[in-house]
């Protein structure tokens, strides 16, 4: 799990990023993000709806795996960026961790290029 400092703390802030932020879509998830250059750290939220899986165990596994992937590689999300990862595919729960890290890295690299 990432530190509390790097997680969203208010629901209204999540809505703000959805409305005002930019959007990147991949096969497994979408990334909504907004840059705030004054912040020195990143913020991250992972959203997995019941449409992905009806079982809370699977949804929580997906959420924990994505948080852990970001936590282990600190340079994945650039500082000053707030990111919401919305998962669309249940196969993320059983994907090998190396592949998950690679796909997440590719998605986040697209944030840096824009």
PDB file of N, CA and C in Angstrom:
ATOM      1  N   UNK A   1       0.848  -1.175   0.000  1.00  0.00           N
ATOM      2  CA  UNK A   1       0.000   0.000   0.000  1.00  0.00           C
ATOM      3  C   UNK A   1       0.894   1.239   0.000  1.00  0.00           C
ATOM      4  N   UNK A   2       0.486   2.245  -0.745  1.00  0.00           N
ATOM      5  CA  UNK A   2       1.261   3.484  -0.752  1.00  0.00           C
ATOM      6  C   UNK A   2       0.947   4.283   0.500  1.00  0.00           C
ATOM      7  N   UNK A   3       1.795   5.242   0.806  1.00  0.00           N
ATOM      8  CA  UNK A   3       1.613   6.003   2.035  1.00  0.00           C
ATOM      9  C   UNK A   3       0.353   6.867   1.967  1.00  0.00           C
ATOM     10  N   UNK A   4      -0.141   7.236   3.116  1.00  0.00           N
ATOM     11  CA  UNK A   4      -1.360   8.027   3.208  1.00  0.00           C
ATOM     12  C   UNK A   4      -1.183   9.395   2.557  1.00  0.00           C
ATOM     13  N   UNK A   5       0.031   9.883   2.582  1.00  0.00           N
ATOM     14  CA  UNK A   5       0.348  11.177   1.985  1.00  0.00           C
ATOM     15  C   UNK A   5       0.125  11.150   0.464  1.00  0.00           C
ATOM     16  N   UNK A   6       0.260   9.988  -0.161  1.00  0.00           N
ATOM     17  CA  UNK A   6       0.140   9.866  -1.608  1.00  0.00           C
ATOM     18  C   UNK A   6      -1.240   9.391  -2.069  1.00  0.00           C
ATOM     19  N   UNK A   7      -2.194   9.310  -1.172  1.00  0.00           N
ATOM     20  CA  UNK A   7      -3.546   8.898  -1.537  1.00  0.00           C
ATOM     21  C   UNK A   7      -4.478  10.104  -1.528  1.00  0.00           C
ATOM     22  N   UNK A   8      -5.547  10.023  -2.294  1.00  0.00           N
ATOM     23  CA  UNK A   8      -6.557  11.067  -2.273  1.00  0.00           C
ATOM     24  C   UNK A   8      -7.254  11.039  -0.924  1.00  0.00           C
ATOM     25  N   UNK A   9      -7.607  12.210  -0.418  1.00  0.00           N
ATOM     26  CA  UNK A   9      -8.227  12.252   0.896  1.00  0.00           C
ATOM     27  C   UNK A   9      -9.662  12.780   0.872  1.00  0.00           C
ATOM     28  N   UNK A  10     -10.104  13.314  -0.241  1.00  0.00           N
ATOM     29  CA  UNK A  10     -11.472  13.826  -0.307  1.00  0.00           C
ATOM     30  C   UNK A  10     -12.133  13.361  -1.603  1.00  0.00           C
ATOM     31  N   UNK A  11     -13.400  13.056  -1.512  1.00  0.00           N
ATOM     32  CA  UNK A  11     -14.142  12.594  -2.675  1.00  0.00           C
ATOM     33  C   UNK A  11     -14.312  13.713  -3.708  1.00  0.00           C
ATOM     34  N   UNK A  12     -14.462  14.936  -3.247  1.00  0.00           N
ATOM     35  CA  UNK A  12     -14.626  16.056  -4.173  1.00  0.00           C
ATOM     36  C   UNK A  12     -13.387  16.254  -5.030  1.00  0.00           C
ATOM     37  N   UNK A  13     -12.242  15.938  -4.485  1.00  0.00           N
ATOM     38  CA  UNK A  13     -11.007  16.082  -5.247  1.00  0.00           C
ATOM     39  C   UNK A  13     -10.952  15.064  -6.382  1.00  0.00           C
ATOM     40  N   UNK A  14     -11.459  13.864  -6.143  1.00  0.00           N
ATOM     41  CA  UNK A  14     -11.532  12.851  -7.195  1.00  0.00           C
ATOM     42  C   UNK A  14     -12.442  13.352  -8.317  1.00  0.00           C
ATOM     43  N   UNK A  15     -13.565  13.927  -7.963  1.00  0.00           N
ATOM     44  CA  UNK A  15     -14.483  14.485  -8.961  1.00  0.00           C
ATOM     45  C   UNK A  15     -13.808  15.596  -9.765  1.00  0.00           C
ATOM     46  N   UNK A  16     -13.018  16.417  -9.091  1.00  0.00           N
ATOM     47  CA  UNK A  16     -12.306  17.498  -9.763  1.00  0.00           C
ATOM     48  C   UNK A  16     -11.351  16.950 -10.824  1.00  0.00           C
ATOM     49  N   UNK A  17     -10.624  15.900 -10.501  1.00  0.00           N
ATOM     50  CA  UNK A  17      -9.689  15.312 -11.468  1.00  0.00           C
ATOM     51  C   UNK A  17     -10.460  14.694 -12.635  1.00  0.00           C
ATOM     52  N   UNK A  18     -11.585  14.050 -12.366  1.00  0.00           N
ATOM     53  CA  UNK A  18     -12.392  13.495 -13.447  1.00  0.00           C
ATOM     54  C   UNK A  18     -12.897  14.591 -14.385  1.00  0.00           C
ATOM     55  N   UNK A  19     -13.308  15.724 -13.845  1.00  0.00           N
ATOM     56  CA  UNK A  19     -13.865  16.794 -14.668  1.00  0.00           C
ATOM     57  C   UNK A  19     -12.793  17.592 -15.409  1.00  0.00           C
ATOM     58  N   UNK A  20     -11.752  17.999 -14.703  1.00  0.00           N
ATOM     59  CA  UNK A  20     -10.785  18.946 -15.262  1.00  0.00           C
ATOM     60  C   UNK A  20      -9.527  18.287 -15.832  1.00  0.00           C
ATOM     61  N   UNK A  21      -9.298  17.028 -15.495  1.00  0.00           N
ATOM     62  CA  UNK A  21      -8.056  16.383 -15.893  1.00  0.00           C
ATOM     63  C   UNK A  21      -8.067  15.856 -17.312  1.00  0.00           C
ATOM     64  N   UNK A  22      -6.938  15.322 -17.700  1.00  0.00           N
ATOM     65  CA  UNK A  22      -6.777  14.708 -19.007  1.00  0.00           C
ATOM     66  C   UNK A  22      -6.967  13.205 -18.876  1.00  0.00           C
ATOM     67  N   UNK A  23      -7.098  12.525 -20.015  1.00  0.00           N
ATOM     68  CA  UNK A  23      -7.548  11.151 -20.032  1.00  0.00           C
ATOM     69  C   UNK A  23      -6.669  10.321 -20.962  1.00  0.00           C
ATOM     70  N   UNK A  24      -6.231   9.154 -20.483  1.00  0.00           N
ATOM     71  CA  UNK A  24      -5.501   8.190 -21.308  1.00  0.00           C
ATOM     72  C   UNK A  24      -6.187   6.840 -21.127  1.00  0.00           C
ATOM     73  N   UNK A  25      -6.501   6.185 -22.228  1.00  0.00           N
ATOM     74  CA  UNK A  25      -7.194   4.895 -22.170  1.00  0.00           C
ATOM     75  C   UNK A  25      -6.283   3.801 -22.717  1.00  0.00           C
ATOM     76  N   UNK A  26      -6.220   2.675 -22.002  1.00  0.00           N
ATOM     77  CA  UNK A  26      -5.516   1.505 -22.495  1.00  0.00           C
ATOM     78  C   UNK A  26      -6.481   0.324 -22.472  1.00  0.00           C
ATOM     79  N   UNK A  27      -5.989  -0.848 -22.770  1.00  0.00           N
ATOM     80  CA  UNK A  27      -6.846  -2.025 -22.848  1.00  0.00           C
ATOM     81  C   UNK A  27      -7.440  -2.393 -21.489  1.00  0.00           C
ATOM     82  N   UNK A  28      -6.664  -2.251 -20.434  1.00  0.00           N
ATOM     83  CA  UNK A  28      -7.072  -2.720 -19.116  1.00  0.00           C
ATOM     84  C   UNK A  28      -7.606  -1.624 -18.202  1.00  0.00           C
ATOM     85  N   UNK A  29      -7.175  -0.404 -18.394  1.00  0.00           N
ATOM     86  CA  UNK A  29      -7.561   0.684 -17.499  1.00  0.00           C
ATOM     87  C   UNK A  29      -7.480   2.023 -18.210  1.00  0.00           C
ATOM     88  N   UNK A  30      -7.998   3.044 -17.540  1.00  0.00           N
ATOM     89  CA  UNK A  30      -7.827   4.408 -18.015  1.00  0.00           C
ATOM     90  C   UNK A  30      -7.162   5.211 -16.913  1.00  0.00           C
ATOM     91  N   UNK A  31      -6.417   6.220 -17.302  1.00  0.00           N
ATOM     92  CA  UNK A  31      -5.755   7.104 -16.355  1.00  0.00           C
ATOM     93  C   UNK A  31      -6.307   8.504 -16.543  1.00  0.00           C
ATOM     94  N   UNK A  32      -6.906   9.033 -15.516  1.00  0.00           N
ATOM     95  CA  UNK A  32      -7.293  10.428 -15.479  1.00  0.00           C
ATOM     96  C   UNK A  32      -6.248  11.124 -14.626  1.00  0.00           C
ATOM     97  N   UNK A  33      -5.723  12.227 -15.130  1.00  0.00           N
ATOM     98  CA  UNK A  33      -4.658  12.893 -14.376  1.00  0.00           C
ATOM     99  C   UNK A  33      -4.729  14.391 -14.573  1.00  0.00           C
ATOM    100  N   UNK A  34      -4.141  15.068 -13.613  1.00  0.00           N
ATOM    101  CA  UNK A  34      -4.028  16.522 -13.661  1.00  0.00           C
ATOM    102  C   UNK A  34      -2.685  16.886 -13.030  1.00  0.00           C
ATOM    103  N   UNK A  35      -2.020  17.868 -13.604  1.00  0.00           N
ATOM    104  CA  UNK A  35      -0.719  18.295 -13.087  1.00  0.00           C
ATOM    105  C   UNK A  35      -0.886  19.478 -12.152  1.00  0.00           C
ATOM    106  N   UNK A  36      -0.167  19.417 -11.048  1.00  0.00           N
ATOM    107  CA  UNK A  36      -0.101  20.527 -10.100  1.00  0.00           C
ATOM    108  C   UNK A  36       1.365  20.729  -9.766  1.00  0.00           C
ATOM    109  N   UNK A  37       2.043  21.600 -10.489  1.00  0.00           N
ATOM    110  CA  UNK A  37       3.494  21.738 -10.316  1.00  0.00           C
ATOM    111  C   UNK A  37       3.930  22.213  -8.937  1.00  0.00           C
ATOM    112  N   UNK A  38       3.034  22.797  -8.149  1.00  0.00           N
ATOM    113  CA  UNK A  38       3.430  23.255  -6.821  1.00  0.00           C
ATOM    114  C   UNK A  38       3.578  22.096  -5.836  1.00  0.00           C
ATOM    115  N   UNK A  39       2.893  20.984  -6.101  1.00  0.00           N
ATOM    116  CA  UNK A  39       3.001  19.822  -5.215  1.00  0.00           C
ATOM    117  C   UNK A  39       4.308  19.093  -5.464  1.00  0.00           C
ATOM    118  N   UNK A  40       4.904  18.588  -4.408  1.00  0.00           N
ATOM    119  CA  UNK A  40       6.174  17.887  -4.524  1.00  0.00           C
ATOM    120  C   UNK A  40       6.001  16.371  -4.590  1.00  0.00           C
ATOM    121  N   UNK A  41       4.791  15.884  -4.357  1.00  0.00           N
ATOM    122  CA  UNK A  41       4.555  14.451  -4.418  1.00  0.00           C
ATOM    123  C   UNK A  41       3.342  14.168  -5.303  1.00  0.00           C
ATOM    124  N   UNK A  42       3.165  12.924  -5.644  1.00  0.00           N
ATOM    125  CA  UNK A  42       2.036  12.527  -6.469  1.00  0.00           C
ATOM    126  C   UNK A  42       0.882  12.068  -5.580  1.00  0.00           C
ATOM    127  N   UNK A  43      -0.310  12.029  -6.164  1.00  0.00           N
ATOM    128  CA  UNK A  43      -1.500  11.477  -5.508  1.00  0.00           C
ATOM    129  C   UNK A  43      -2.041  10.387  -6.426  1.00  0.00           C
ATOM    130  N   UNK A  44      -2.551   9.309  -5.813  1.00  0.00           N
ATOM    131  CA  UNK A  44      -3.017   8.181  -6.595  1.00  0.00           C
ATOM    132  C   UNK A  44      -4.295   7.612  -6.001  1.00  0.00           C
ATOM    133  N   UNK A  45      -5.230   7.270  -6.875  1.00  0.00           N
ATOM    134  CA  UNK A  45      -6.438   6.543  -6.479  1.00  0.00           C
ATOM    135  C   UNK A  45      -6.672   5.456  -7.512  1.00  0.00           C
ATOM    136  N   UNK A  46      -7.166   4.309  -7.065  1.00  0.00           N
ATOM    137  CA  UNK A  46      -7.507   3.209  -7.959  1.00  0.00           C
ATOM    138  C   UNK A  46      -8.991   2.917  -7.779  1.00  0.00           C
ATOM    139  N   UNK A  47      -9.722   2.920  -8.885  1.00  0.00           N
ATOM    140  CA  UNK A  47     -11.160   2.690  -8.861  1.00  0.00           C
ATOM    141  C   UNK A  47     -11.450   1.407  -9.619  1.00  0.00           C
ATOM    142  N   UNK A  48     -12.115   0.469  -8.943  1.00  0.00           N
ATOM    143  CA  UNK A  48     -12.521  -0.791  -9.563  1.00  0.00           C
ATOM    144  C   UNK A  48     -14.004  -0.971  -9.254  1.00  0.00           C
ATOM    145  N   UNK A  49     -14.838  -0.896 -10.266  1.00  0.00           N
ATOM    146  CA  UNK A  49     -16.278  -0.955 -10.033  1.00  0.00           C
ATOM    147  C   UNK A  49     -16.779  -2.389  -9.985  1.00  0.00           C
ATOM    148  N   UNK A  50     -18.022  -2.544  -9.618  1.00  0.00           N
ATOM    149  CA  UNK A  50     -18.641  -3.866  -9.575  1.00  0.00           C
ATOM    150  C   UNK A  50     -18.872  -4.436 -10.968  1.00  0.00           C
ATOM    151  N   UNK A  51     -18.788  -3.608 -11.990  1.00  0.00           N
ATOM    152  CA  UNK A  51     -18.893  -4.119 -13.353  1.00  0.00           C
ATOM    153  C   UNK A  51     -17.693  -4.990 -13.704  1.00  0.00           C
ATOM    154  N   UNK A  52     -16.558  -4.709 -13.096  1.00  0.00           N
ATOM    155  CA  UNK A  52     -15.357  -5.505 -13.342  1.00  0.00           C
ATOM    156  C   UNK A  52     -15.519  -6.881 -12.722  1.00  0.00           C
ATOM    157  N   UNK A  53     -15.908  -6.922 -11.462  1.00  0.00           N
ATOM    158  CA  UNK A  53     -16.132  -8.181 -10.766  1.00  0.00           C
ATOM    159  C   UNK A  53     -17.128  -7.945  -9.647  1.00  0.00           C
ATOM    160  N   UNK A  54     -18.034  -8.867  -9.494  1.00  0.00           N
ATOM    161  CA  UNK A  54     -19.012  -8.752  -8.411  1.00  0.00           C
ATOM    162  C   UNK A  54     -18.398  -9.074  -7.057  1.00  0.00           C
ATOM    163  N   UNK A  55     -17.263  -9.777  -7.058  1.00  0.00           N
ATOM    164  CA  UNK A  55     -16.627 -10.212  -5.815  1.00  0.00           C
ATOM    165  C   UNK A  55     -15.675  -9.141  -5.293  1.00  0.00           C
ATOM    166  N   UNK A  56     -15.876  -8.731  -4.066  1.00  0.00           N
ATOM    167  CA  UNK A  56     -15.037  -7.708  -3.441  1.00  0.00           C
ATOM    168  C   UNK A  56     -13.591  -8.181  -3.302  1.00  0.00           C
ATOM    169  N   UNK A  57     -13.398  -9.479  -3.140  1.00  0.00           N
ATOM    170  CA  UNK A  57     -12.049 -10.028  -3.013  1.00  0.00           C
ATOM    171  C   UNK A  57     -11.233  -9.734  -4.272  1.00  0.00           C
ATOM    172  N   UNK A  58     -11.838  -9.916  -5.421  1.00  0.00           N
ATOM    173  CA  UNK A  58     -11.145  -9.670  -6.691  1.00  0.00           C
ATOM    174  C   UNK A  58     -10.892  -8.185  -6.882  1.00  0.00           C
ATOM    175  N   UNK A  59     -11.886  -7.358  -6.587  1.00  0.00           N
ATOM    176  CA  UNK A  59     -11.706  -5.912  -6.736  1.00  0.00           C
ATOM    177  C   UNK A  59     -10.596  -5.393  -5.825  1.00  0.00           C
ATOM    178  N   UNK A  60     -10.567  -5.869  -4.590  1.00  0.00           N
ATOM    179  CA  UNK A  60      -9.522  -5.438  -3.664  1.00  0.00           C
ATOM    180  C   UNK A  60      -8.155  -5.958  -4.070  1.00  0.00           C
ATOM    181  N   UNK A  61      -8.084  -7.149  -4.632  1.00  0.00           N
ATOM    182  CA  UNK A  61      -6.804  -7.682  -5.114  1.00  0.00           C
ATOM    183  C   UNK A  61      -6.246  -6.815  -6.230  1.00  0.00           C
ATOM    184  N   UNK A  62      -7.112  -6.414  -7.154  1.00  0.00           N
ATOM    185  CA  UNK A  62      -6.677  -5.535  -8.244  1.00  0.00           C
ATOM    186  C   UNK A  62      -6.158  -4.220  -7.681  1.00  0.00           C
ATOM    187  N   UNK A  63      -6.896  -3.645  -6.755  1.00  0.00           N
ATOM    188  CA  UNK A  63      -6.507  -2.367  -6.148  1.00  0.00           C
ATOM    189  C   UNK A  63      -5.162  -2.487  -5.433  1.00  0.00           C
ATOM    190  N   UNK A  64      -4.994  -3.529  -4.641  1.00  0.00           N
ATOM    191  CA  UNK A  64      -3.742  -3.716  -3.905  1.00  0.00           C
ATOM    192  C   UNK A  64      -2.557  -3.949  -4.842  1.00  0.00           C
ATOM    193  N   UNK A  65      -2.771  -4.715  -5.908  1.00  0.00           N
ATOM    194  CA  UNK A  65      -1.672  -4.986  -6.844  1.00  0.00           C
ATOM    195  C   UNK A  65      -1.211  -3.713  -7.547  1.00  0.00           C
ATOM    196  N   UNK A  66      -2.149  -2.858  -7.938  1.00  0.00           N
ATOM    197  CA  UNK A  66      -1.760  -1.610  -8.596  1.00  0.00           C
ATOM    198  C   UNK A  66      -1.070  -0.654  -7.622  1.00  0.00           C
ATOM    199  N   UNK A  67      -1.577  -0.556  -6.399  1.00  0.00           N
ATOM    200  CA  UNK A  67      -0.896   0.264  -5.396  1.00  0.00           C
ATOM    201  C   UNK A  67       0.521  -0.242  -5.145  1.00  0.00           C
ATOM    202  N   UNK A  68       0.677  -1.539  -5.046  1.00  0.00           N
ATOM    203  CA  UNK A  68       1.997  -2.123  -4.780  1.00  0.00           C
ATOM    204  C   UNK A  68       2.940  -1.899  -5.954  1.00  0.00           C
ATOM    205  N   UNK A  69       2.431  -1.992  -7.154  1.00  0.00           N
ATOM    206  CA  UNK A  69       3.258  -1.754  -8.330  1.00  0.00           C
ATOM    207  C   UNK A  69       3.804  -0.327  -8.342  1.00  0.00           C
ATOM    208  N   UNK A  70       2.970   0.625  -7.982  1.00  0.00           N
ATOM    209  CA  UNK A  70       3.422   2.018  -7.926  1.00  0.00           C
ATOM    210  C   UNK A  70       4.382   2.218  -6.761  1.00  0.00           C
ATOM    211  N   UNK A  71       4.103   1.612  -5.628  1.00  0.00           N
ATOM    212  CA  UNK A  71       4.947   1.792  -4.449  1.00  0.00           C
ATOM    213  C   UNK A  71       6.357   1.245  -4.670  1.00  0.00           C
ATOM    214  N   UNK A  72       6.472   0.102  -5.342  1.00  0.00           N
ATOM    215  CA  UNK A  72       7.780  -0.513  -5.533  1.00  0.00           C
ATOM    216  C   UNK A  72       8.653   0.265  -6.504  1.00  0.00           C
ATOM    217  N   UNK A  73       8.060   0.906  -7.469  1.00  0.00           N
ATOM    218  CA  UNK A  73       8.843   1.707  -8.421  1.00  0.00           C
ATOM    219  C   UNK A  73       8.461   3.168  -8.240  1.00  0.00           C
ATOM    220  N   UNK A  74       9.208   3.863  -7.406  1.00  0.00           N
ATOM    221  CA  UNK A  74       8.864   5.235  -7.002  1.00  0.00           C
ATOM    222  C   UNK A  74       8.884   6.218  -8.164  1.00  0.00           C
ATOM    223  N   UNK A  75       9.670   5.962  -9.204  1.00  0.00           N
ATOM    224  CA  UNK A  75       9.758   6.910 -10.301  1.00  0.00           C
ATOM    225  C   UNK A  75       8.660   6.728 -11.340  1.00  0.00           C
ATOM    226  N   UNK A  76       7.678   5.878 -11.089  1.00  0.00           N
ATOM    227  CA  UNK A  76       6.639   5.645 -12.080  1.00  0.00           C
ATOM    228  C   UNK A  76       5.797   6.898 -12.302  1.00  0.00           C
ATOM    229  N   UNK A  77       5.272   7.480 -11.263  1.00  0.00           N
ATOM    230  CA  UNK A  77       4.426   8.668 -11.388  1.00  0.00           C
ATOM    231  C   UNK A  77       5.269   9.899 -11.065  1.00  0.00           C
ATOM    232  N   UNK A  78       5.309  10.864 -11.986  1.00  0.00           N
ATOM    233  CA  UNK A  78       6.115  12.061 -11.717  1.00  0.00           C
ATOM    234  C   UNK A  78       5.538  12.892 -10.582  1.00  0.00           C
ATOM    235  N   UNK A  79       6.369  13.627  -9.859  1.00  0.00           N
ATOM    236  CA  UNK A  79       5.873  14.465  -8.766  1.00  0.00           C
ATOM    237  C   UNK A  79       4.974  15.582  -9.295  1.00  0.00           C
ATOM    238  N   UNK A  80       3.983  15.930  -8.482  1.00  0.00           N
ATOM    239  CA  UNK A  80       3.070  16.997  -8.853  1.00  0.00           C
ATOM    240  C   UNK A  80       1.922  16.559  -9.746  1.00  0.00           C
ATOM    241  N   UNK A  81       1.736  15.256  -9.917  1.00  0.00           N
ATOM    242  CA  UNK A  81       0.659  14.743 -10.763  1.00  0.00           C
ATOM    243  C   UNK A  81      -0.317  13.959  -9.895  1.00  0.00           C
ATOM    244  N   UNK A  82      -1.586  14.182 -10.116  1.00  0.00           N
ATOM    245  CA  UNK A  82      -2.625  13.441  -9.412  1.00  0.00           C
ATOM    246  C   UNK A  82      -3.279  12.505 -10.412  1.00  0.00           C
ATOM    247  N   UNK A  83      -3.279  11.198 -10.110  1.00  0.00           N
ATOM    248  CA  UNK A  83      -3.707  10.174 -11.059  1.00  0.00           C
ATOM    249  C   UNK A  83      -4.822   9.334 -10.451  1.00  0.00           C
ATOM    250  N   UNK A  84      -5.832   9.054 -11.265  1.00  0.00           N
ATOM    251  CA  UNK A  84      -6.873   8.101 -10.902  1.00  0.00           C
ATOM    252  C   UNK A  84      -6.834   6.990 -11.946  1.00  0.00           C
ATOM    253  N   UNK A  85      -6.620   5.766 -11.495  1.00  0.00           N
ATOM    254  CA  UNK A  85      -6.613   4.611 -12.386  1.00  0.00           C
ATOM    255  C   UNK A  85      -7.976   3.930 -12.252  1.00  0.00           C
ATOM    256  N   UNK A  86      -8.710   3.877 -13.353  1.00  0.00           N
ATOM    257  CA  UNK A  86     -10.012   3.211 -13.379  1.00  0.00           C
ATOM    258  C   UNK A  86      -9.851   1.915 -14.161  1.00  0.00           C
ATOM    259  N   UNK A  87     -10.024   0.794 -13.488  1.00  0.00           N
ATOM    260  CA  UNK A  87      -9.792  -0.519 -14.095  1.00  0.00           C
ATOM    261  C   UNK A  87     -11.056  -0.983 -14.793  1.00  0.00           C
ATOM    262  N   UNK A  88     -10.885  -1.583 -16.003  1.00  0.00           N
ATOM    263  CA  UNK A  88     -12.010  -2.070 -16.790  1.00  0.00           C
ATOM    264  C   UNK A  88     -12.002  -3.571 -17.013  1.00  0.00           C
ATOM    265  N   UNK A  89     -10.922  -4.252 -16.671  1.00  0.00           N
ATOM    266  CA  UNK A  89     -10.791  -5.664 -17.025  1.00  0.00           C
ATOM    267  C   UNK A  89     -10.395  -6.489 -15.806  1.00  0.00           C
ATOM    268  N   UNK A  90     -11.088  -7.577 -15.577  1.00  0.00           N
ATOM    269  CA  UNK A  90     -10.827  -8.436 -14.425  1.00  0.00           C
ATOM    270  C   UNK A  90      -9.516  -9.202 -14.554  1.00  0.00           C
ATOM    271  N   UNK A  91      -8.981  -9.324 -15.748  1.00  0.00           N
ATOM    272  CA  UNK A  91      -7.744 -10.092 -15.936  1.00  0.00           C
ATOM    273  C   UNK A  91      -6.545  -9.441 -15.254  1.00  0.00           C
ATOM    274  N   UNK A  92      -6.666  -8.211 -14.825  1.00  0.00           N
ATOM    275  CA  UNK A  92      -5.589  -7.547 -14.084  1.00  0.00           C
ATOM    276  C   UNK A  92      -5.316  -8.274 -12.767  1.00  0.00           C
ATOM    277  N   UNK A  93      -6.324  -8.918 -12.204  1.00  0.00           N
ATOM    278  CA  UNK A  93      -6.176  -9.623 -10.929  1.00  0.00           C
ATOM    279  C   UNK A  93      -5.225 -10.807 -11.038  1.00  0.00           C
ATOM    280  N   UNK A  94      -5.167 -11.456 -12.196  1.00  0.00           N
ATOM    281  CA  UNK A  94      -4.349 -12.660 -12.365  1.00  0.00           C
ATOM    282  C   UNK A  94      -3.160 -12.462 -13.292  1.00  0.00           C
ATOM    283  N   UNK A  95      -2.933 -11.257 -13.727  1.00  0.00           N
ATOM    284  CA  UNK A  95      -1.823 -10.954 -14.618  1.00  0.00           C
ATOM    285  C   UNK A  95      -0.498 -11.083 -13.863  1.00  0.00           C
ATOM    286  N   UNK A  96       0.558 -11.612 -14.502  1.00  0.00           N
ATOM    287  CA  UNK A  96       1.863 -11.653 -13.825  1.00  0.00           C
ATOM    288  C   UNK A  96       2.325 -10.248 -13.435  1.00  0.00           C
ATOM    289  N   UNK A  97       2.972 -10.154 -12.282  1.00  0.00           N
ATOM    290  CA  UNK A  97       3.352  -8.847 -11.745  1.00  0.00           C
ATOM    291  C   UNK A  97       4.306  -8.099 -12.679  1.00  0.00           C
ATOM    292  N   UNK A  98       5.203  -8.817 -13.343  1.00  0.00           N
ATOM    293  CA  UNK A  98       6.138  -8.160 -14.258  1.00  0.00           C
ATOM    294  C   UNK A  98       5.400  -7.504 -15.424  1.00  0.00           C
ATOM    295  N   UNK A  99       4.408  -8.185 -15.946  1.00  0.00           N
ATOM    296  CA  UNK A  99       3.626  -7.627 -17.053  1.00  0.00           C
ATOM    297  C   UNK A  99       2.796  -6.435 -16.582  1.00  0.00           C
ATOM    298  N   UNK A 100       2.240  -6.546 -15.389  1.00  0.00           N
ATOM    299  CA  UNK A 100       1.467  -5.446 -14.814  1.00  0.00           C
ATOM    300  C   UNK A 100       2.342  -4.204 -14.641  1.00  0.00           C
ATOM    301  N   UNK A 101       3.549  -4.395 -14.107  1.00  0.00           N
ATOM    302  CA  UNK A 101       4.475  -3.274 -13.939  1.00  0.00           C
ATOM    303  C   UNK A 101       4.817  -2.634 -15.271  1.00  0.00           C
ATOM    304  N   UNK A 102       5.049  -3.470 -16.284  1.00  0.00           N
ATOM    305  CA  UNK A 102       5.422  -2.963 -17.599  1.00  0.00           C
ATOM    306  C   UNK A 102       4.289  -2.152 -18.212  1.00  0.00           C
ATOM    307  N   UNK A 103       3.055  -2.685 -18.172  1.00  0.00           N
ATOM    308  CA  UNK A 103       1.914  -1.979 -18.750  1.00  0.00           C
ATOM    309  C   UNK A 103       1.622  -0.675 -18.011  1.00  0.00           C
ATOM    310  N   UNK A 104       1.745  -0.698 -16.696  1.00  0.00           N
ATOM    311  CA  UNK A 104       1.537   0.525 -15.923  1.00  0.00           C
ATOM    312  C   UNK A 104       2.616   1.555 -16.237  1.00  0.00           C
ATOM    313  N   UNK A 105       3.841   1.096 -16.381  1.00  0.00           N
ATOM    314  CA  UNK A 105       4.933   2.002 -16.740  1.00  0.00           C
ATOM    315  C   UNK A 105       4.716   2.656 -18.090  1.00  0.00           C
ATOM    316  N   UNK A 106       4.224   1.891 -19.071  1.00  0.00           N
ATOM    317  CA  UNK A 106       3.949   2.432 -20.400  1.00  0.00           C
ATOM    318  C   UNK A 106       2.838   3.486 -20.323  1.00  0.00           C
ATOM    319  N   UNK A 107       1.803   3.195 -19.555  1.00  0.00           N
ATOM    320  CA  UNK A 107       0.700   4.157 -19.420  1.00  0.00           C
ATOM    321  C   UNK A 107       1.164   5.447 -18.760  1.00  0.00           C
ATOM    322  N   UNK A 108       1.974   5.320 -17.719  1.00  0.00           N
ATOM    323  CA  UNK A 108       2.437   6.511 -17.004  1.00  0.00           C
ATOM    324  C   UNK A 108       3.457   7.277 -17.836  1.00  0.00           C
ATOM    325  N   UNK A 109       4.239   6.599 -18.667  1.00  0.00           N
ATOM    326  CA  UNK A 109       5.161   7.300 -19.551  1.00  0.00           C
ATOM    327  C   UNK A 109       4.426   8.203 -20.532  1.00  0.00           C
ATOM    328  N   UNK A 110       3.225   7.808 -20.906  1.00  0.00           N
ATOM    329  CA  UNK A 110       2.412   8.659 -21.778  1.00  0.00           C
ATOM    330  C   UNK A 110       2.022   9.949 -21.077  1.00  0.00           C
ATOM    331  N   UNK A 111       1.893   9.915 -19.750  1.00  0.00           N
ATOM    332  CA  UNK A 111       1.612  11.145 -19.001  1.00  0.00           C
ATOM    333  C   UNK A 111       2.803  12.091 -19.109  1.00  0.00           C
ATOM    334  N   UNK A 112       3.992  11.543 -18.978  1.00  0.00           N
ATOM    335  CA  UNK A 112       5.196  12.380 -19.038  1.00  0.00           C
ATOM    336  C   UNK A 112       5.371  13.024 -20.399  1.00  0.00           C
ATOM    337  N   UNK A 113       4.955  12.342 -21.457  1.00  0.00           N
ATOM    338  CA  UNK A 113       5.132  12.873 -22.811  1.00  0.00           C
ATOM    339  C   UNK A 113       4.137  13.979 -23.140  1.00  0.00           C
ATOM    340  N   UNK A 114       3.023  14.039 -22.429  1.00  0.00           N
ATOM    341  CA  UNK A 114       2.016  15.052 -22.750  1.00  0.00           C
ATOM    342  C   UNK A 114       2.207  16.318 -21.972  1.00  0.00           C
TER     343      UNK A 114
END
